[in-house]
């Protein structure tokens, strides 16, 4: 039972730090640009934000095909 509460506390702290990272990048400002892409960016920042503070700096590379003509 004690391991569960410690794990929950670690997850909570991780998400709080991620939320602070997203706030520092200005993702919570109301600029009228609400979209699924912006929401996805905020979610990924909250989840991976603490990794940047630890110096991991995760990067995602993806090649998107050009739209057909």
PDB file of N, CA and C in Angstrom:
ATOM      1  N   UNK A   1       0.831  -1.211   0.000  1.00  0.00           N
ATOM      2  CA  UNK A   1       0.000   0.000   0.000  1.00  0.00           C
ATOM      3  C   UNK A   1       0.862   1.256   0.000  1.00  0.00           C
ATOM      4  N   UNK A   2       1.954   1.223   0.735  1.00  0.00           N
ATOM      5  CA  UNK A   2       2.821   2.395   0.818  1.00  0.00           C
ATOM      6  C   UNK A   2       3.479   2.702  -0.529  1.00  0.00           C
ATOM      7  N   UNK A   3       3.843   1.685  -1.297  1.00  0.00           N
ATOM      8  CA  UNK A   3       4.438   1.895  -2.607  1.00  0.00           C
ATOM      9  C   UNK A   3       3.489   2.595  -3.558  1.00  0.00           C
ATOM     10  N   UNK A   4       2.214   2.315  -3.426  1.00  0.00           N
ATOM     11  CA  UNK A   4       1.215   2.949  -4.284  1.00  0.00           C
ATOM     12  C   UNK A   4       1.133   4.444  -3.998  1.00  0.00           C
ATOM     13  N   UNK A   5       1.170   4.833  -2.742  1.00  0.00           N
ATOM     14  CA  UNK A   5       1.072   6.255  -2.425  1.00  0.00           C
ATOM     15  C   UNK A   5       2.342   7.000  -2.841  1.00  0.00           C
ATOM     16  N   UNK A   6       3.497   6.363  -2.747  1.00  0.00           N
ATOM     17  CA  UNK A   6       4.735   7.006  -3.191  1.00  0.00           C
ATOM     18  C   UNK A   6       4.726   7.149  -4.711  1.00  0.00           C
ATOM     19  N   UNK A   7       4.277   6.112  -5.414  1.00  0.00           N
ATOM     20  CA  UNK A   7       4.175   6.176  -6.868  1.00  0.00           C
ATOM     21  C   UNK A   7       3.208   7.263  -7.310  1.00  0.00           C
ATOM     22  N   UNK A   8       2.086   7.370  -6.625  1.00  0.00           N
ATOM     23  CA  UNK A   8       1.112   8.412  -6.945  1.00  0.00           C
ATOM     24  C   UNK A   8       1.664   9.806  -6.713  1.00  0.00           C
ATOM     25  N   UNK A   9       2.436   9.957  -5.647  1.00  0.00           N
ATOM     26  CA  UNK A   9       3.048  11.251  -5.351  1.00  0.00           C
ATOM     27  C   UNK A   9       4.072  11.620  -6.420  1.00  0.00           C
ATOM     28  N   UNK A  10       4.848  10.642  -6.867  1.00  0.00           N
ATOM     29  CA  UNK A  10       5.828  10.906  -7.926  1.00  0.00           C
ATOM     30  C   UNK A  10       5.129  11.322  -9.213  1.00  0.00           C
ATOM     31  N   UNK A  11       4.050  10.635  -9.573  1.00  0.00           N
ATOM     32  CA  UNK A  11       3.298  10.984 -10.782  1.00  0.00           C
ATOM     33  C   UNK A  11       2.695  12.378 -10.656  1.00  0.00           C
ATOM     34  N   UNK A  12       2.142  12.684  -9.496  1.00  0.00           N
ATOM     35  CA  UNK A  12       1.559  14.011  -9.278  1.00  0.00           C
ATOM     36  C   UNK A  12       2.616  15.099  -9.413  1.00  0.00           C
ATOM     37  N   UNK A  13       3.774  14.908  -8.794  1.00  0.00           N
ATOM     38  CA  UNK A  13       4.853  15.895  -8.916  1.00  0.00           C
ATOM     39  C   UNK A  13       5.324  16.034 -10.350  1.00  0.00           C
ATOM     40  N   UNK A  14       5.417  14.905 -11.065  1.00  0.00           N
ATOM     41  CA  UNK A  14       5.833  14.912 -12.476  1.00  0.00           C
ATOM     42  C   UNK A  14       4.873  15.773 -13.304  1.00  0.00           C
ATOM     43  N   UNK A  15       3.565  15.580 -13.101  1.00  0.00           N
ATOM     44  CA  UNK A  15       2.570  16.338 -13.861  1.00  0.00           C
ATOM     45  C   UNK A  15       2.561  17.812 -13.481  1.00  0.00           C
ATOM     46  N   UNK A  16       2.806  18.108 -12.217  1.00  0.00           N
ATOM     47  CA  UNK A  16       2.873  19.515 -11.793  1.00  0.00           C
ATOM     48  C   UNK A  16       4.062  20.200 -12.460  1.00  0.00           C
ATOM     49  N   UNK A  17       5.221  19.533 -12.468  1.00  0.00           N
ATOM     50  CA  UNK A  17       6.397  20.103 -13.114  1.00  0.00           C
ATOM     51  C   UNK A  17       6.143  20.285 -14.616  1.00  0.00           C
ATOM     52  N   UNK A  18       5.485  19.318 -15.240  1.00  0.00           N
ATOM     53  CA  UNK A  18       5.137  19.438 -16.656  1.00  0.00           C
ATOM     54  C   UNK A  18       4.183  20.592 -16.912  1.00  0.00           C
ATOM     55  N   UNK A  19       3.238  20.786 -16.012  1.00  0.00           N
ATOM     56  CA  UNK A  19       2.321  21.917 -16.135  1.00  0.00           C
ATOM     57  C   UNK A  19       3.040  23.250 -16.030  1.00  0.00           C
ATOM     58  N   UNK A  20       4.026  23.325 -15.140  1.00  0.00           N
ATOM     59  CA  UNK A  20       4.828  24.543 -15.012  1.00  0.00           C
ATOM     60  C   UNK A  20       5.631  24.770 -16.295  1.00  0.00           C
ATOM     61  N   UNK A  21       6.173  23.701 -16.863  1.00  0.00           N
ATOM     62  CA  UNK A  21       6.928  23.830 -18.117  1.00  0.00           C
ATOM     63  C   UNK A  21       6.028  24.345 -19.243  1.00  0.00           C
ATOM     64  N   UNK A  22       4.805  23.825 -19.334  1.00  0.00           N
ATOM     65  CA  UNK A  22       3.863  24.295 -20.354  1.00  0.00           C
ATOM     66  C   UNK A  22       3.476  25.749 -20.106  1.00  0.00           C
ATOM     67  N   UNK A  23       3.315  26.127 -18.843  1.00  0.00           N
ATOM     68  CA  UNK A  23       2.986  27.507 -18.499  1.00  0.00           C
ATOM     69  C   UNK A  23       4.130  28.445 -18.898  1.00  0.00           C
ATOM     70  N   UNK A  24       5.375  28.018 -18.633  1.00  0.00           N
ATOM     71  CA  UNK A  24       6.525  28.847 -18.991  1.00  0.00           C
ATOM     72  C   UNK A  24       6.612  29.077 -20.496  1.00  0.00           C
ATOM     73  N   UNK A  25       6.136  28.133 -21.276  1.00  0.00           N
ATOM     74  CA  UNK A  25       6.163  28.275 -22.734  1.00  0.00           C
ATOM     75  C   UNK A  25       4.952  29.045 -23.248  1.00  0.00           C
ATOM     76  N   UNK A  26       4.043  29.433 -22.367  1.00  0.00           N
ATOM     77  CA  UNK A  26       2.899  30.257 -22.752  1.00  0.00           C
ATOM     78  C   UNK A  26       1.756  29.488 -23.385  1.00  0.00           C
ATOM     79  N   UNK A  27       1.676  28.173 -23.139  1.00  0.00           N
ATOM     80  CA  UNK A  27       0.643  27.365 -23.778  1.00  0.00           C
ATOM     81  C   UNK A  27      -0.744  27.567 -23.169  1.00  0.00           C
ATOM     82  N   UNK A  28      -0.831  28.182 -22.005  1.00  0.00           N
ATOM     83  CA  UNK A  28      -2.135  28.356 -21.371  1.00  0.00           C
ATOM     84  C   UNK A  28      -2.725  29.740 -21.607  1.00  0.00           C
ATOM     85  N   UNK A  29      -2.058  30.568 -22.403  1.00  0.00           N
ATOM     86  CA  UNK A  29      -2.596  31.890 -22.726  1.00  0.00           C
ATOM     87  C   UNK A  29      -3.754  31.737 -23.699  1.00  0.00           C
ATOM     88  N   UNK A  30      -4.774  32.558 -23.524  1.00  0.00           N
ATOM     89  CA  UNK A  30      -5.937  32.514 -24.416  1.00  0.00           C
ATOM     90  C   UNK A  30      -5.673  33.416 -25.614  1.00  0.00           C
ATOM     91  N   UNK A  31      -5.199  32.803 -26.713  1.00  0.00           N
ATOM     92  CA  UNK A  31      -4.931  33.595 -27.915  1.00  0.00           C
ATOM     93  C   UNK A  31      -5.899  33.247 -29.042  1.00  0.00           C
ATOM     94  N   UNK A  32      -6.959  32.496 -28.730  1.00  0.00           N
ATOM     95  CA  UNK A  32      -7.972  32.189 -29.722  1.00  0.00           C
ATOM     96  C   UNK A  32      -7.591  31.070 -30.672  1.00  0.00           C
ATOM     97  N   UNK A  33      -6.428  30.471 -30.490  1.00  0.00           N
ATOM     98  CA  UNK A  33      -5.956  29.412 -31.387  1.00  0.00           C
ATOM     99  C   UNK A  33      -6.168  28.049 -30.738  1.00  0.00           C
ATOM    100  N   UNK A  34      -7.426  27.691 -30.532  1.00  0.00           N
ATOM    101  CA  UNK A  34      -7.744  26.408 -29.921  1.00  0.00           C
ATOM    102  C   UNK A  34      -7.906  25.360 -31.018  1.00  0.00           C
ATOM    103  N   UNK A  35      -7.065  24.336 -30.974  1.00  0.00           N
ATOM    104  CA  UNK A  35      -7.139  23.273 -31.967  1.00  0.00           C
ATOM    105  C   UNK A  35      -6.658  21.977 -31.326  1.00  0.00           C
ATOM    106  N   UNK A  36      -6.879  20.898 -32.030  1.00  0.00           N
ATOM    107  CA  UNK A  36      -6.405  19.597 -31.543  1.00  0.00           C
ATOM    108  C   UNK A  36      -4.887  19.570 -31.497  1.00  0.00           C
ATOM    109  N   UNK A  37      -4.232  20.221 -32.461  1.00  0.00           N
ATOM    110  CA  UNK A  37      -2.771  20.246 -32.481  1.00  0.00           C
ATOM    111  C   UNK A  37      -2.223  20.978 -31.258  1.00  0.00           C
ATOM    112  N   UNK A  38      -2.849  22.086 -30.905  1.00  0.00           N
ATOM    113  CA  UNK A  38      -2.389  22.839 -29.734  1.00  0.00           C
ATOM    114  C   UNK A  38      -2.631  22.034 -28.465  1.00  0.00           C
ATOM    115  N   UNK A  39      -3.773  21.379 -28.365  1.00  0.00           N
ATOM    116  CA  UNK A  39      -4.056  20.551 -27.198  1.00  0.00           C
ATOM    117  C   UNK A  39      -3.053  19.406 -27.096  1.00  0.00           C
ATOM    118  N   UNK A  40      -2.709  18.814 -28.227  1.00  0.00           N
ATOM    119  CA  UNK A  40      -1.718  17.744 -28.238  1.00  0.00           C
ATOM    120  C   UNK A  40      -0.358  18.237 -27.787  1.00  0.00           C
ATOM    121  N   UNK A  41       0.008  19.435 -28.217  1.00  0.00           N
ATOM    122  CA  UNK A  41       1.282  20.027 -27.816  1.00  0.00           C
ATOM    123  C   UNK A  41       1.323  20.249 -26.313  1.00  0.00           C
ATOM    124  N   UNK A  42       0.231  20.743 -25.755  1.00  0.00           N
ATOM    125  CA  UNK A  42       0.169  20.984 -24.315  1.00  0.00           C
ATOM    126  C   UNK A  42       0.282  19.666 -23.559  1.00  0.00           C
ATOM    127  N   UNK A  43      -0.440  18.640 -24.005  1.00  0.00           N
ATOM    128  CA  UNK A  43      -0.402  17.344 -23.326  1.00  0.00           C
ATOM    129  C   UNK A  43       0.998  16.743 -23.372  1.00  0.00           C
ATOM    130  N   UNK A  44       1.631  16.785 -24.531  1.00  0.00           N
ATOM    131  CA  UNK A  44       2.985  16.227 -24.649  1.00  0.00           C
ATOM    132  C   UNK A  44       3.966  17.021 -23.796  1.00  0.00           C
ATOM    133  N   UNK A  45       3.806  18.326 -23.735  1.00  0.00           N
ATOM    134  CA  UNK A  45       4.692  19.149 -22.915  1.00  0.00           C
ATOM    135  C   UNK A  45       4.514  18.827 -21.442  1.00  0.00           C
ATOM    136  N   UNK A  46       3.281  18.643 -21.005  1.00  0.00           N
ATOM    137  CA  UNK A  46       3.037  18.303 -19.602  1.00  0.00           C
ATOM    138  C   UNK A  46       3.651  16.951 -19.269  1.00  0.00           C
ATOM    139  N   UNK A  47       3.558  16.003 -20.193  1.00  0.00           N
ATOM    140  CA  UNK A  47       4.098  14.667 -19.935  1.00  0.00           C
ATOM    141  C   UNK A  47       5.623  14.649 -20.037  1.00  0.00           C
ATOM    142  N   UNK A  48       6.190  15.316 -21.042  1.00  0.00           N
ATOM    143  CA  UNK A  48       7.634  15.259 -21.272  1.00  0.00           C
ATOM    144  C   UNK A  48       8.385  16.467 -20.715  1.00  0.00           C
ATOM    145  N   UNK A  49       7.676  17.462 -20.218  1.00  0.00           N
ATOM    146  CA  UNK A  49       8.313  18.674 -19.718  1.00  0.00           C
ATOM    147  C   UNK A  49       9.405  18.441 -18.689  1.00  0.00           C
ATOM    148  N   UNK A  50       9.184  17.587 -17.703  1.00  0.00           N
ATOM    149  CA  UNK A  50      10.240  17.344 -16.713  1.00  0.00           C
ATOM    150  C   UNK A  50      11.502  16.741 -17.325  1.00  0.00           C
ATOM    151  N   UNK A  51      11.382  16.030 -18.431  1.00  0.00           N
ATOM    152  CA  UNK A  51      12.569  15.466 -19.076  1.00  0.00           C
ATOM    153  C   UNK A  51      13.496  16.576 -19.567  1.00  0.00           C
ATOM    154  N   UNK A  52      12.916  17.670 -20.060  1.00  0.00           N
ATOM    155  CA  UNK A  52      13.736  18.800 -20.498  1.00  0.00           C
ATOM    156  C   UNK A  52      14.494  19.401 -19.326  1.00  0.00           C
ATOM    157  N   UNK A  53      13.845  19.506 -18.179  1.00  0.00           N
ATOM    158  CA  UNK A  53      14.502  20.064 -17.004  1.00  0.00           C
ATOM    159  C   UNK A  53      15.608  19.151 -16.501  1.00  0.00           C
ATOM    160  N   UNK A  54      15.485  17.848 -16.788  1.00  0.00           N
ATOM    161  CA  UNK A  54      16.528  16.903 -16.391  1.00  0.00           C
ATOM    162  C   UNK A  54      17.650  16.834 -17.428  1.00  0.00           C
ATOM    163  N   UNK A  55      17.503  17.536 -18.547  1.00  0.00           N
ATOM    164  CA  UNK A  55      18.537  17.596 -19.567  1.00  0.00           C
ATOM    165  C   UNK A  55      18.403  16.547 -20.652  1.00  0.00           C
ATOM    166  N   UNK A  56      17.287  15.815 -20.693  1.00  0.00           N
ATOM    167  CA  UNK A  56      17.120  14.765 -21.698  1.00  0.00           C
ATOM    168  C   UNK A  56      16.804  15.359 -23.062  1.00  0.00           C
ATOM    169  N   UNK A  57      15.989  16.397 -23.122  1.00  0.00           N
ATOM    170  CA  UNK A  57      15.608  17.105 -24.346  1.00  0.00           C
ATOM    171  C   UNK A  57      15.104  16.160 -25.443  1.00  0.00           C
ATOM    172  N   UNK A  58      13.952  15.523 -25.236  1.00  0.00           N
ATOM    173  CA  UNK A  58      13.423  14.600 -26.247  1.00  0.00           C
ATOM    174  C   UNK A  58      12.991  15.338 -27.513  1.00  0.00           C
ATOM    175  N   UNK A  59      13.243  14.742 -28.649  1.00  0.00           N
ATOM    176  CA  UNK A  59      12.843  15.326 -29.937  1.00  0.00           C
ATOM    177  C   UNK A  59      12.114  14.260 -30.733  1.00  0.00           C
ATOM    178  N   UNK A  60      11.100  14.680 -31.456  1.00  0.00           N
ATOM    179  CA  UNK A  60      10.334  13.769 -32.295  1.00  0.00           C
ATOM    180  C   UNK A  60      10.535  14.201 -33.741  1.00  0.00           C
ATOM    181  N   UNK A  61      10.959  13.265 -34.565  1.00  0.00           N
ATOM    182  CA  UNK A  61      11.123  13.542 -35.992  1.00  0.00           C
ATOM    183  C   UNK A  61      10.045  12.774 -36.739  1.00  0.00           C
ATOM    184  N   UNK A  62       9.381  13.451 -37.613  1.00  0.00           N
ATOM    185  CA  UNK A  62       8.403  12.748 -38.437  1.00  0.00           C
ATOM    186  C   UNK A  62       8.395  13.386 -39.828  1.00  0.00           C
ATOM    187  N   UNK A  63       8.245  12.550 -40.809  1.00  0.00           N
ATOM    188  CA  UNK A  63       8.177  13.005 -42.190  1.00  0.00           C
ATOM    189  C   UNK A  63       6.727  12.867 -42.651  1.00  0.00           C
ATOM    190  N   UNK A  64       6.121  13.982 -42.953  1.00  0.00           N
ATOM    191  CA  UNK A  64       4.743  13.988 -43.400  1.00  0.00           C
ATOM    192  C   UNK A  64       4.734  14.155 -44.911  1.00  0.00           C
ATOM    193  N   UNK A  65       4.052  13.285 -45.622  1.00  0.00           N
ATOM    194  CA  UNK A  65       4.025  13.412 -47.078  1.00  0.00           C
ATOM    195  C   UNK A  65       3.295  14.690 -47.504  1.00  0.00           C
ATOM    196  N   UNK A  66       3.727  15.236 -48.615  1.00  0.00           N
ATOM    197  CA  UNK A  66       3.090  16.434 -49.141  1.00  0.00           C
ATOM    198  C   UNK A  66       1.681  16.103 -49.617  1.00  0.00           C
ATOM    199  N   UNK A  67       0.761  17.053 -49.479  1.00  0.00           N
ATOM    200  CA  UNK A  67      -0.605  16.795 -49.946  1.00  0.00           C
ATOM    201  C   UNK A  67      -0.645  16.592 -51.467  1.00  0.00           C
ATOM    202  N   UNK A  68      -1.571  15.790 -51.906  1.00  0.00           N
ATOM    203  CA  UNK A  68      -1.706  15.545 -53.343  1.00  0.00           C
ATOM    204  C   UNK A  68      -2.259  16.786 -54.032  1.00  0.00           C
ATOM    205  N   UNK A  69      -1.952  16.911 -55.312  1.00  0.00           N
ATOM    206  CA  UNK A  69      -2.380  18.095 -56.066  1.00  0.00           C
ATOM    207  C   UNK A  69      -3.695  17.863 -56.750  1.00  0.00           C
TER     208      UNK A  69
END
